[in-house]
Amino acid sequence: TQEYRNKSSKGYKGQSIVFTYSRARCHEIA
């Protein structure tokens, strides 16, 4: 959430990739 509030000098929002260990955990975090 904090990163998405940031905007670069090129005009793009901050976006994240989150790596985890299983598909089920992917959905839990999302």
Full PDB file with SEQRES, HELIX, SHEET, SSBOND, CRYST1, ORIGX, SCALE, CONECT and MASTER records, all heavy atoms in Angstrom:
SEQRES   1 A   30  THR GLN GLU TYR ARG ASN LYS SER SER LYS GLY TYR LYS          
SEQRES   2 A   30  GLY GLN SER ILE VAL PHE THR TYR SER ARG ALA ARG CYS          
SEQRES   3 A   30  HIS GLU ILE ALA                                              
HELIX    1 AA1 GLN A    2  ARG A    5  1                                   4    
HELIX    2 AA2 ARG A   23  ILE A   29  1                                   7    
CRYST1    1.000    1.000    1.000  90.00  90.00  90.00 P 1           1          
ORIGX1      1.000000  0.000000  0.000000        0.00000                         
ORIGX2      0.000000  1.000000  0.000000        0.00000                         
ORIGX3      0.000000  0.000000  1.000000        0.00000                         
SCALE1      1.000000  0.000000  0.000000        0.00000                         
SCALE2      0.000000  1.000000  0.000000        0.00000                         
SCALE3      0.000000  0.000000  1.000000        0.00000                         
ATOM      1  N   THR A   1       0.830  -1.207   0.000  1.00  0.00           N  
ATOM      2  CA  THR A   1       0.000   0.000   0.000  1.00  0.00           C  
ATOM      3  C   THR A   1       0.863   1.255   0.000  1.00  0.00           C  
ATOM      4  O   THR A   1       0.606   2.219  -0.728  1.00  0.00           O  
ATOM      5  CB  THR A   1      -0.931   0.006   1.226  1.00  0.00           C  
ATOM      6  OG1 THR A   1      -1.736  -1.183   1.207  1.00  0.00           O  
ATOM      7  CG2 THR A   1      -1.832   1.226   1.220  1.00  0.00           C  
ATOM      8  N   GLN A   2       1.896   1.238   0.830  1.00  0.00           N  
ATOM      9  CA  GLN A   2       2.795   2.388   0.922  1.00  0.00           C  
ATOM     10  C   GLN A   2       3.511   2.636  -0.405  1.00  0.00           C  
ATOM     11  O   GLN A   2       3.638   3.768  -0.861  1.00  0.00           O  
ATOM     12  CB  GLN A   2       3.808   2.133   2.036  1.00  0.00           C  
ATOM     13  CG  GLN A   2       4.781   3.275   2.279  1.00  0.00           C  
ATOM     14  CD  GLN A   2       5.735   2.960   3.433  1.00  0.00           C  
ATOM     15  OE1 GLN A   2       5.368   2.291   4.392  1.00  0.00           O  
ATOM     16  NE2 GLN A   2       6.955   3.428   3.330  1.00  0.00           N  
ATOM     17  N   GLU A   3       3.976   1.555  -1.058  1.00  0.00           N  
ATOM     18  CA  GLU A   3       4.695   1.707  -2.329  1.00  0.00           C  
ATOM     19  C   GLU A   3       3.776   2.207  -3.430  1.00  0.00           C  
ATOM     20  O   GLU A   3       4.199   2.987  -4.297  1.00  0.00           O  
ATOM     21  CB  GLU A   3       5.320   0.361  -2.727  1.00  0.00           C  
ATOM     22  CG  GLU A   3       6.199   0.418  -3.960  1.00  0.00           C  
ATOM     23  CD  GLU A   3       7.480   1.207  -3.771  1.00  0.00           C  
ATOM     24  OE1 GLU A   3       7.803   1.565  -2.613  1.00  0.00           O  
ATOM     25  OE2 GLU A   3       8.155   1.459  -4.786  1.00  0.00           O  
ATOM     26  N   TYR A   4       2.519   1.787  -3.416  1.00  0.00           N  
ATOM     27  CA  TYR A   4       1.570   2.183  -4.463  1.00  0.00           C  
ATOM     28  C   TYR A   4       1.234   3.672  -4.392  1.00  0.00           C  
ATOM     29  O   TYR A   4       0.808   4.263  -5.386  1.00  0.00           O  
ATOM     30  CB  TYR A   4       0.301   1.342  -4.330  1.00  0.00           C  
ATOM     31  CG  TYR A   4      -0.577   1.333  -5.568  1.00  0.00           C  
ATOM     32  CD1 TYR A   4      -0.050   1.030  -6.821  1.00  0.00           C  
ATOM     33  CD2 TYR A   4      -1.948   1.603  -5.479  1.00  0.00           C  
ATOM     34  CE1 TYR A   4      -0.850   0.998  -7.948  1.00  0.00           C  
ATOM     35  CE2 TYR A   4      -2.757   1.571  -6.599  1.00  0.00           C  
ATOM     36  CZ  TYR A   4      -2.205   1.277  -7.833  1.00  0.00           C  
ATOM     37  OH  TYR A   4      -3.002   1.253  -8.953  1.00  0.00           O  
ATOM     38  N   ARG A   5       1.440   4.254  -3.223  1.00  0.00           N  
ATOM     39  CA  ARG A   5       1.197   5.703  -3.080  1.00  0.00           C  
ATOM     40  C   ARG A   5       2.310   6.536  -3.705  1.00  0.00           C  
ATOM     41  O   ARG A   5       2.135   7.713  -3.992  1.00  0.00           O  
ATOM     42  CB  ARG A   5       1.075   6.073  -1.594  1.00  0.00           C  
ATOM     43  CG  ARG A   5      -0.149   5.492  -0.895  1.00  0.00           C  
ATOM     44  CD  ARG A   5      -0.348   6.155   0.451  1.00  0.00           C  
ATOM     45  NE  ARG A   5      -1.409   5.516   1.222  1.00  0.00           N  
ATOM     46  CZ  ARG A   5      -1.223   4.856   2.352  1.00  0.00           C  
ATOM     47  NH1 ARG A   5      -0.004   4.745   2.854  1.00  0.00           N  
ATOM     48  NH2 ARG A   5      -2.226   4.313   2.990  1.00  0.00           N  
ATOM     49  N   ASN A   6       3.478   5.909  -3.868  1.00  0.00           N  
ATOM     50  CA  ASN A   6       4.616   6.644  -4.445  1.00  0.00           C  
ATOM     51  C   ASN A   6       4.476   6.763  -5.953  1.00  0.00           C  
ATOM     52  O   ASN A   6       3.917   5.887  -6.612  1.00  0.00           O  
ATOM     53  CB  ASN A   6       5.934   5.926  -4.121  1.00  0.00           C  
ATOM     54  CG  ASN A   6       6.199   5.859  -2.630  1.00  0.00           C  
ATOM     55  OD1 ASN A   6       5.746   6.709  -1.876  1.00  0.00           O  
ATOM     56  ND2 ASN A   6       6.933   4.847  -2.200  1.00  0.00           N  
ATOM     57  N   LYS A   7       5.017   7.834  -6.503  1.00  0.00           N  
ATOM     58  CA  LYS A   7       5.031   8.021  -7.957  1.00  0.00           C  
ATOM     59  C   LYS A   7       6.422   8.465  -8.367  1.00  0.00           C  
ATOM     60  O   LYS A   7       7.014   9.354  -7.754  1.00  0.00           O  
ATOM     61  CB  LYS A   7       3.994   9.053  -8.379  1.00  0.00           C  
ATOM     62  CG  LYS A   7       3.882   9.213  -9.892  1.00  0.00           C  
ATOM     63  CD  LYS A   7       2.759  10.166 -10.295  1.00  0.00           C  
ATOM     64  CE  LYS A   7       1.418   9.473 -10.241  1.00  0.00           C  
ATOM     65  NZ  LYS A   7       0.342  10.294 -10.864  1.00  0.00           N  
ATOM     66  N   SER A   8       6.971   7.821  -9.386  1.00  0.00           N  
ATOM     67  CA  SER A   8       8.333   8.132  -9.824  1.00  0.00           C  
ATOM     68  C   SER A   8       8.362   9.415 -10.635  1.00  0.00           C  
ATOM     69  O   SER A   8       7.316   9.956 -11.025  1.00  0.00           O  
ATOM     70  CB  SER A   8       8.882   6.982 -10.675  1.00  0.00           C  
ATOM     71  OG  SER A   8       8.252   6.961 -11.942  1.00  0.00           O  
ATOM     72  N   SER A   9       9.576   9.894 -10.919  1.00  0.00           N  
ATOM     73  CA  SER A   9       9.730  11.108 -11.726  1.00  0.00           C  
ATOM     74  C   SER A   9       9.259  10.875 -13.158  1.00  0.00           C  
ATOM     75  O   SER A   9       9.009  11.820 -13.902  1.00  0.00           O  
ATOM     76  CB  SER A   9      11.198  11.553 -11.733  1.00  0.00           C  
ATOM     77  OG  SER A   9      12.024  10.555 -12.316  1.00  0.00           O  
ATOM     78  N   LYS A  10       9.133   9.584 -13.553  1.00  0.00           N  
ATOM     79  CA  LYS A  10       8.635   9.255 -14.896  1.00  0.00           C  
ATOM     80  C   LYS A  10       7.112   9.190 -14.933  1.00  0.00           C  
ATOM     81  O   LYS A  10       6.515   8.947 -15.983  1.00  0.00           O  
ATOM     82  CB  LYS A  10       9.192   7.905 -15.354  1.00  0.00           C  
ATOM     83  CG  LYS A  10      10.652   7.957 -15.815  1.00  0.00           C  
ATOM     84  CD  LYS A  10      11.598   7.645 -14.717  1.00  0.00           C  
ATOM     85  CE  LYS A  10      13.034   7.463 -15.226  1.00  0.00           C  
ATOM     86  NZ  LYS A  10      13.987   7.313 -14.103  1.00  0.00           N  
ATOM     87  N   GLY A  11       6.477   9.348 -13.734  1.00  0.00           N  
ATOM     88  CA  GLY A  11       5.016   9.366 -13.686  1.00  0.00           C  
ATOM     89  C   GLY A  11       4.353   8.036 -13.397  1.00  0.00           C  
ATOM     90  O   GLY A  11       3.129   7.909 -13.528  1.00  0.00           O  
ATOM     91  N   TYR A  12       5.124   7.014 -12.960  1.00  0.00           N  
ATOM     92  CA  TYR A  12       4.553   5.691 -12.714  1.00  0.00           C  
ATOM     93  C   TYR A  12       4.404   5.422 -11.216  1.00  0.00           C  
ATOM     94  O   TYR A  12       5.280   5.776 -10.421  1.00  0.00           O  
ATOM     95  CB  TYR A  12       5.426   4.599 -13.341  1.00  0.00           C  
ATOM     96  CG  TYR A  12       5.427   4.619 -14.851  1.00  0.00           C  
ATOM     97  CD1 TYR A  12       6.403   5.322 -15.554  1.00  0.00           C  
ATOM     98  CD2 TYR A  12       4.444   3.946 -15.570  1.00  0.00           C  
ATOM     99  CE1 TYR A  12       6.406   5.347 -16.947  1.00  0.00           C  
ATOM    100  CE2 TYR A  12       4.435   3.966 -16.962  1.00  0.00           C  
ATOM    101  CZ  TYR A  12       5.420   4.669 -17.640  1.00  0.00           C  
ATOM    102  OH  TYR A  12       5.416   4.690 -19.009  1.00  0.00           O  
ATOM    103  N   LYS A  13       3.292   4.763 -10.864  1.00  0.00           N  
ATOM    104  CA  LYS A  13       3.075   4.377  -9.476  1.00  0.00           C  
ATOM    105  C   LYS A  13       4.029   3.250  -9.083  1.00  0.00           C  
ATOM    106  O   LYS A  13       4.458   2.466  -9.923  1.00  0.00           O  
ATOM    107  CB  LYS A  13       1.636   3.898  -9.274  1.00  0.00           C  
ATOM    108  CG  LYS A  13       0.585   4.991  -9.350  1.00  0.00           C  
ATOM    109  CD  LYS A  13      -0.797   4.407  -9.086  1.00  0.00           C  
ATOM    110  CE  LYS A  13      -1.859   5.488  -9.089  1.00  0.00           C  
ATOM    111  NZ  LYS A  13      -3.211   4.913  -8.839  1.00  0.00           N  
ATOM    112  N   GLY A  14       4.318   3.166  -7.787  1.00  0.00           N  
ATOM    113  CA  GLY A  14       5.145   2.067  -7.295  1.00  0.00           C  
ATOM    114  C   GLY A  14       4.321   0.790  -7.200  1.00  0.00           C  
ATOM    115  O   GLY A  14       3.265   0.773  -6.562  1.00  0.00           O  
ATOM    116  N   GLN A  15       4.772  -0.268  -7.848  1.00  0.00           N  
ATOM    117  CA  GLN A  15       4.057  -1.555  -7.831  1.00  0.00           C  
ATOM    118  C   GLN A  15       4.985  -2.658  -7.337  1.00  0.00           C  
ATOM    119  O   GLN A  15       6.207  -2.553  -7.466  1.00  0.00           O  
ATOM    120  CB  GLN A  15       3.540  -1.889  -9.237  1.00  0.00           C  
ATOM    121  CG  GLN A  15       2.461  -0.933  -9.733  1.00  0.00           C  
ATOM    122  CD  GLN A  15       2.149  -1.140 -11.197  1.00  0.00           C  
ATOM    123  OE1 GLN A  15       2.882  -0.684 -12.064  1.00  0.00           O  
ATOM    124  NE2 GLN A  15       1.060  -1.835 -11.495  1.00  0.00           N  
ATOM    125  N   SER A  16       4.394  -3.703  -6.789  1.00  0.00           N  
ATOM    126  CA  SER A  16       5.181  -4.739  -6.108  1.00  0.00           C  
ATOM    127  C   SER A  16       4.951  -6.121  -6.711  1.00  0.00           C  
ATOM    128  O   SER A  16       3.856  -6.437  -7.177  1.00  0.00           O  
ATOM    129  CB  SER A  16       4.814  -4.792  -4.618  1.00  0.00           C  
ATOM    130  OG  SER A  16       5.006  -3.536  -4.003  1.00  0.00           O  
ATOM    131  N   ILE A  17       6.012  -6.933  -6.686  1.00  0.00           N  
ATOM    132  CA  ILE A  17       5.916  -8.375  -6.900  1.00  0.00           C  
ATOM    133  C   ILE A  17       6.192  -9.033  -5.557  1.00  0.00           C  
ATOM    134  O   ILE A  17       7.211  -8.739  -4.919  1.00  0.00           O  
ATOM    135  CB  ILE A  17       6.941  -8.882  -7.928  1.00  0.00           C  
ATOM    136  CG1 ILE A  17       6.720  -8.240  -9.300  1.00  0.00           C  
ATOM    137  CG2 ILE A  17       6.861 -10.404  -8.065  1.00  0.00           C  
ATOM    138  CD1 ILE A  17       7.809  -8.597 -10.311  1.00  0.00           C  
ATOM    139  N   VAL A  18       5.296  -9.899  -5.120  1.00  0.00           N  
ATOM    140  CA  VAL A  18       5.489 -10.626  -3.864  1.00  0.00           C  
ATOM    141  C   VAL A  18       5.723 -12.095  -4.205  1.00  0.00           C  
ATOM    142  O   VAL A  18       4.888 -12.739  -4.843  1.00  0.00           O  
ATOM    143  CB  VAL A  18       4.266 -10.491  -2.934  1.00  0.00           C  
ATOM    144  CG1 VAL A  18       4.504 -11.249  -1.629  1.00  0.00           C  
ATOM    145  CG2 VAL A  18       3.963  -9.021  -2.661  1.00  0.00           C  
ATOM    146  N   PHE A  19       6.869 -12.620  -3.791  1.00  0.00           N  
ATOM    147  CA  PHE A  19       7.188 -14.033  -4.024  1.00  0.00           C  
ATOM    148  C   PHE A  19       6.872 -14.838  -2.771  1.00  0.00           C  
ATOM    149  O   PHE A  19       7.267 -14.462  -1.660  1.00  0.00           O  
ATOM    150  CB  PHE A  19       8.664 -14.205  -4.375  1.00  0.00           C  
ATOM    151  CG  PHE A  19       9.018 -13.737  -5.754  1.00  0.00           C  
ATOM    152  CD1 PHE A  19       9.818 -12.625  -5.934  1.00  0.00           C  
ATOM    153  CD2 PHE A  19       8.553 -14.412  -6.874  1.00  0.00           C  
ATOM    154  CE1 PHE A  19      10.154 -12.188  -7.209  1.00  0.00           C  
ATOM    155  CE2 PHE A  19       8.882 -13.981  -8.151  1.00  0.00           C  
ATOM    156  CZ  PHE A  19       9.680 -12.867  -8.322  1.00  0.00           C  
ATOM    157  N   THR A  20       6.167 -15.954  -2.964  1.00  0.00           N  
ATOM    158  CA  THR A  20       5.863 -16.831  -1.840  1.00  0.00           C  
ATOM    159  C   THR A  20       6.041 -18.283  -2.270  1.00  0.00           C  
ATOM    160  O   THR A  20       6.479 -18.556  -3.388  1.00  0.00           O  
ATOM    161  CB  THR A  20       4.450 -16.563  -1.292  1.00  0.00           C  
ATOM    162  OG1 THR A  20       4.273 -17.291  -0.082  1.00  0.00           O  
ATOM    163  CG2 THR A  20       3.377 -16.953  -2.301  1.00  0.00           C  
ATOM    164  N   TYR A  21       5.697 -19.221  -1.389  1.00  0.00           N  
ATOM    165  CA  TYR A  21       6.096 -20.616  -1.592  1.00  0.00           C  
ATOM    166  C   TYR A  21       5.013 -21.528  -2.152  1.00  0.00           C  
ATOM    167  O   TYR A  21       5.303 -22.670  -2.514  1.00  0.00           O  
ATOM    168  CB  TYR A  21       6.618 -21.204  -0.279  1.00  0.00           C  
ATOM    169  CG  TYR A  21       5.607 -21.155   0.852  1.00  0.00           C  
ATOM    170  CD1 TYR A  21       4.715 -22.194   1.071  1.00  0.00           C  
ATOM    171  CD2 TYR A  21       5.547 -20.051   1.698  1.00  0.00           C  
ATOM    172  CE1 TYR A  21       3.782 -22.140   2.092  1.00  0.00           C  
ATOM    173  CE2 TYR A  21       4.626 -19.988   2.728  1.00  0.00           C  
ATOM    174  CZ  TYR A  21       3.747 -21.034   2.922  1.00  0.00           C  
ATOM    175  OH  TYR A  21       2.825 -20.969   3.933  1.00  0.00           O  
ATOM    176  N   SER A  22       3.755 -21.076  -2.246  1.00  0.00           N  
ATOM    177  CA  SER A  22       2.706 -21.965  -2.743  1.00  0.00           C  
ATOM    178  C   SER A  22       1.585 -21.162  -3.388  1.00  0.00           C  
ATOM    179  O   SER A  22       1.413 -19.964  -3.116  1.00  0.00           O  
ATOM    180  CB  SER A  22       2.129 -22.819  -1.606  1.00  0.00           C  
ATOM    181  OG  SER A  22       1.351 -22.012  -0.728  1.00  0.00           O  
ATOM    182  N   ARG A  23       0.802 -21.838  -4.225  1.00  0.00           N  
ATOM    183  CA  ARG A  23      -0.323 -21.176  -4.881  1.00  0.00           C  
ATOM    184  C   ARG A  23      -1.366 -20.733  -3.867  1.00  0.00           C  
ATOM    185  O   ARG A  23      -1.942 -19.649  -3.979  1.00  0.00           O  
ATOM    186  CB  ARG A  23      -0.959 -22.123  -5.902  1.00  0.00           C  
ATOM    187  CG  ARG A  23      -0.043 -22.513  -7.046  1.00  0.00           C  
ATOM    188  CD  ARG A  23      -0.761 -23.471  -7.995  1.00  0.00           C  
ATOM    189  NE  ARG A  23       0.168 -24.020  -8.983  1.00  0.00           N  
ATOM    190  CZ  ARG A  23      -0.181 -24.876  -9.926  1.00  0.00           C  
ATOM    191  NH1 ARG A  23      -1.443 -25.287 -10.017  1.00  0.00           N  
ATOM    192  NH2 ARG A  23       0.709 -25.334 -10.788  1.00  0.00           N  
ATOM    193  N   ALA A  24      -1.630 -21.595  -2.872  1.00  0.00           N  
ATOM    194  CA  ALA A  24      -2.622 -21.253  -1.851  1.00  0.00           C  
ATOM    195  C   ALA A  24      -2.216 -19.984  -1.107  1.00  0.00           C  
ATOM    196  O   ALA A  24      -3.051 -19.115  -0.815  1.00  0.00           O  
ATOM    197  CB  ALA A  24      -2.789 -22.418  -0.873  1.00  0.00           C  
ATOM    198  N   ARG A  25      -0.925 -19.867  -0.809  1.00  0.00           N  
ATOM    199  CA  ARG A  25      -0.427 -18.679  -0.114  1.00  0.00           C  
ATOM    200  C   ARG A  25      -0.564 -17.437  -1.006  1.00  0.00           C  
ATOM    201  O   ARG A  25      -0.823 -16.346  -0.506  1.00  0.00           O  
ATOM    202  CB  ARG A  25       1.040 -18.907   0.265  1.00  0.00           C  
ATOM    203  CG  ARG A  25       1.698 -17.773   1.034  1.00  0.00           C  
ATOM    204  CD  ARG A  25       1.250 -17.686   2.465  1.00  0.00           C  
ATOM    205  NE  ARG A  25       2.091 -16.765   3.214  1.00  0.00           N  
ATOM    206  CZ  ARG A  25       1.895 -16.416   4.482  1.00  0.00           C  
ATOM    207  NH1 ARG A  25       0.886 -16.945   5.150  1.00  0.00           N  
ATOM    208  NH2 ARG A  25       2.716 -15.576   5.089  1.00  0.00           N  
ATOM    209  N   CYS A  26      -0.398 -17.609  -2.319  1.00  0.00           N  
ATOM    210  CA  CYS A  26      -0.599 -16.479  -3.249  1.00  0.00           C  
ATOM    211  C   CYS A  26      -1.978 -15.868  -3.057  1.00  0.00           C  
ATOM    212  O   CYS A  26      -2.132 -14.646  -2.935  1.00  0.00           O  
ATOM    213  CB  CYS A  26      -0.460 -16.943  -4.703  1.00  0.00           C  
ATOM    214  SG  CYS A  26       1.203 -17.295  -5.245  1.00  0.00           S  
ATOM    215  N   HIS A  27      -3.000 -16.728  -3.038  1.00  0.00           N  
ATOM    216  CA  HIS A  27      -4.378 -16.244  -2.913  1.00  0.00           C  
ATOM    217  C   HIS A  27      -4.647 -15.668  -1.519  1.00  0.00           C  
ATOM    218  O   HIS A  27      -5.376 -14.686  -1.372  1.00  0.00           O  
ATOM    219  CB  HIS A  27      -5.352 -17.374  -3.230  1.00  0.00           C  
ATOM    220  CG  HIS A  27      -5.379 -17.747  -4.682  1.00  0.00           C  
ATOM    221  ND1 HIS A  27      -6.044 -17.008  -5.638  1.00  0.00           N  
ATOM    222  CD2 HIS A  27      -4.786 -18.770  -5.352  1.00  0.00           C  
ATOM    223  CE1 HIS A  27      -5.892 -17.559  -6.835  1.00  0.00           C  
ATOM    224  NE2 HIS A  27      -5.116 -18.634  -6.689  1.00  0.00           N  
ATOM    225  N   GLU A  28      -4.042 -16.279  -0.510  1.00  0.00           N  
ATOM    226  CA  GLU A  28      -4.220 -15.789   0.866  1.00  0.00           C  
ATOM    227  C   GLU A  28      -3.696 -14.357   0.995  1.00  0.00           C  
ATOM    228  O   GLU A  28      -4.360 -13.487   1.571  1.00  0.00           O  
ATOM    229  CB  GLU A  28      -3.489 -16.719   1.835  1.00  0.00           C  
ATOM    230  CG  GLU A  28      -3.692 -16.368   3.301  1.00  0.00           C  
ATOM    231  CD  GLU A  28      -2.927 -17.284   4.243  1.00  0.00           C  
ATOM    232  OE1 GLU A  28      -2.214 -18.187   3.754  1.00  0.00           O  
ATOM    233  OE2 GLU A  28      -3.024 -17.077   5.467  1.00  0.00           O  
ATOM    234  N   ILE A  29      -2.528 -14.110   0.436  1.00  0.00           N  
ATOM    235  CA  ILE A  29      -1.940 -12.765   0.516  1.00  0.00           C  
ATOM    236  C   ILE A  29      -2.725 -11.781  -0.343  1.00  0.00           C  
ATOM    237  O   ILE A  29      -3.019 -10.649   0.084  1.00  0.00           O  
ATOM    238  CB  ILE A  29      -0.462 -12.795   0.089  1.00  0.00           C  
ATOM    239  CG1 ILE A  29       0.355 -13.655   1.060  1.00  0.00           C  
ATOM    240  CG2 ILE A  29       0.114 -11.391   0.021  1.00  0.00           C  
ATOM    241  CD1 ILE A  29       1.785 -13.906   0.608  1.00  0.00           C  
ATOM    242  N   ALA A  30      -3.085 -12.199  -1.571  1.00  0.00           N  
ATOM    243  CA  ALA A  30      -3.833 -11.318  -2.469  1.00  0.00           C  
ATOM    244  C   ALA A  30      -5.176 -10.926  -1.858  1.00  0.00           C  
ATOM    245  O   ALA A  30      -5.594  -9.760  -1.933  1.00  0.00           O  
ATOM    246  CB  ALA A  30      -4.031 -11.995  -3.818  1.00  0.00           C  
TER     247      ALA A  30                                                      
MASTER        0    0    0    2    0    0    0    6  246    1    0    3          
END                                                                             
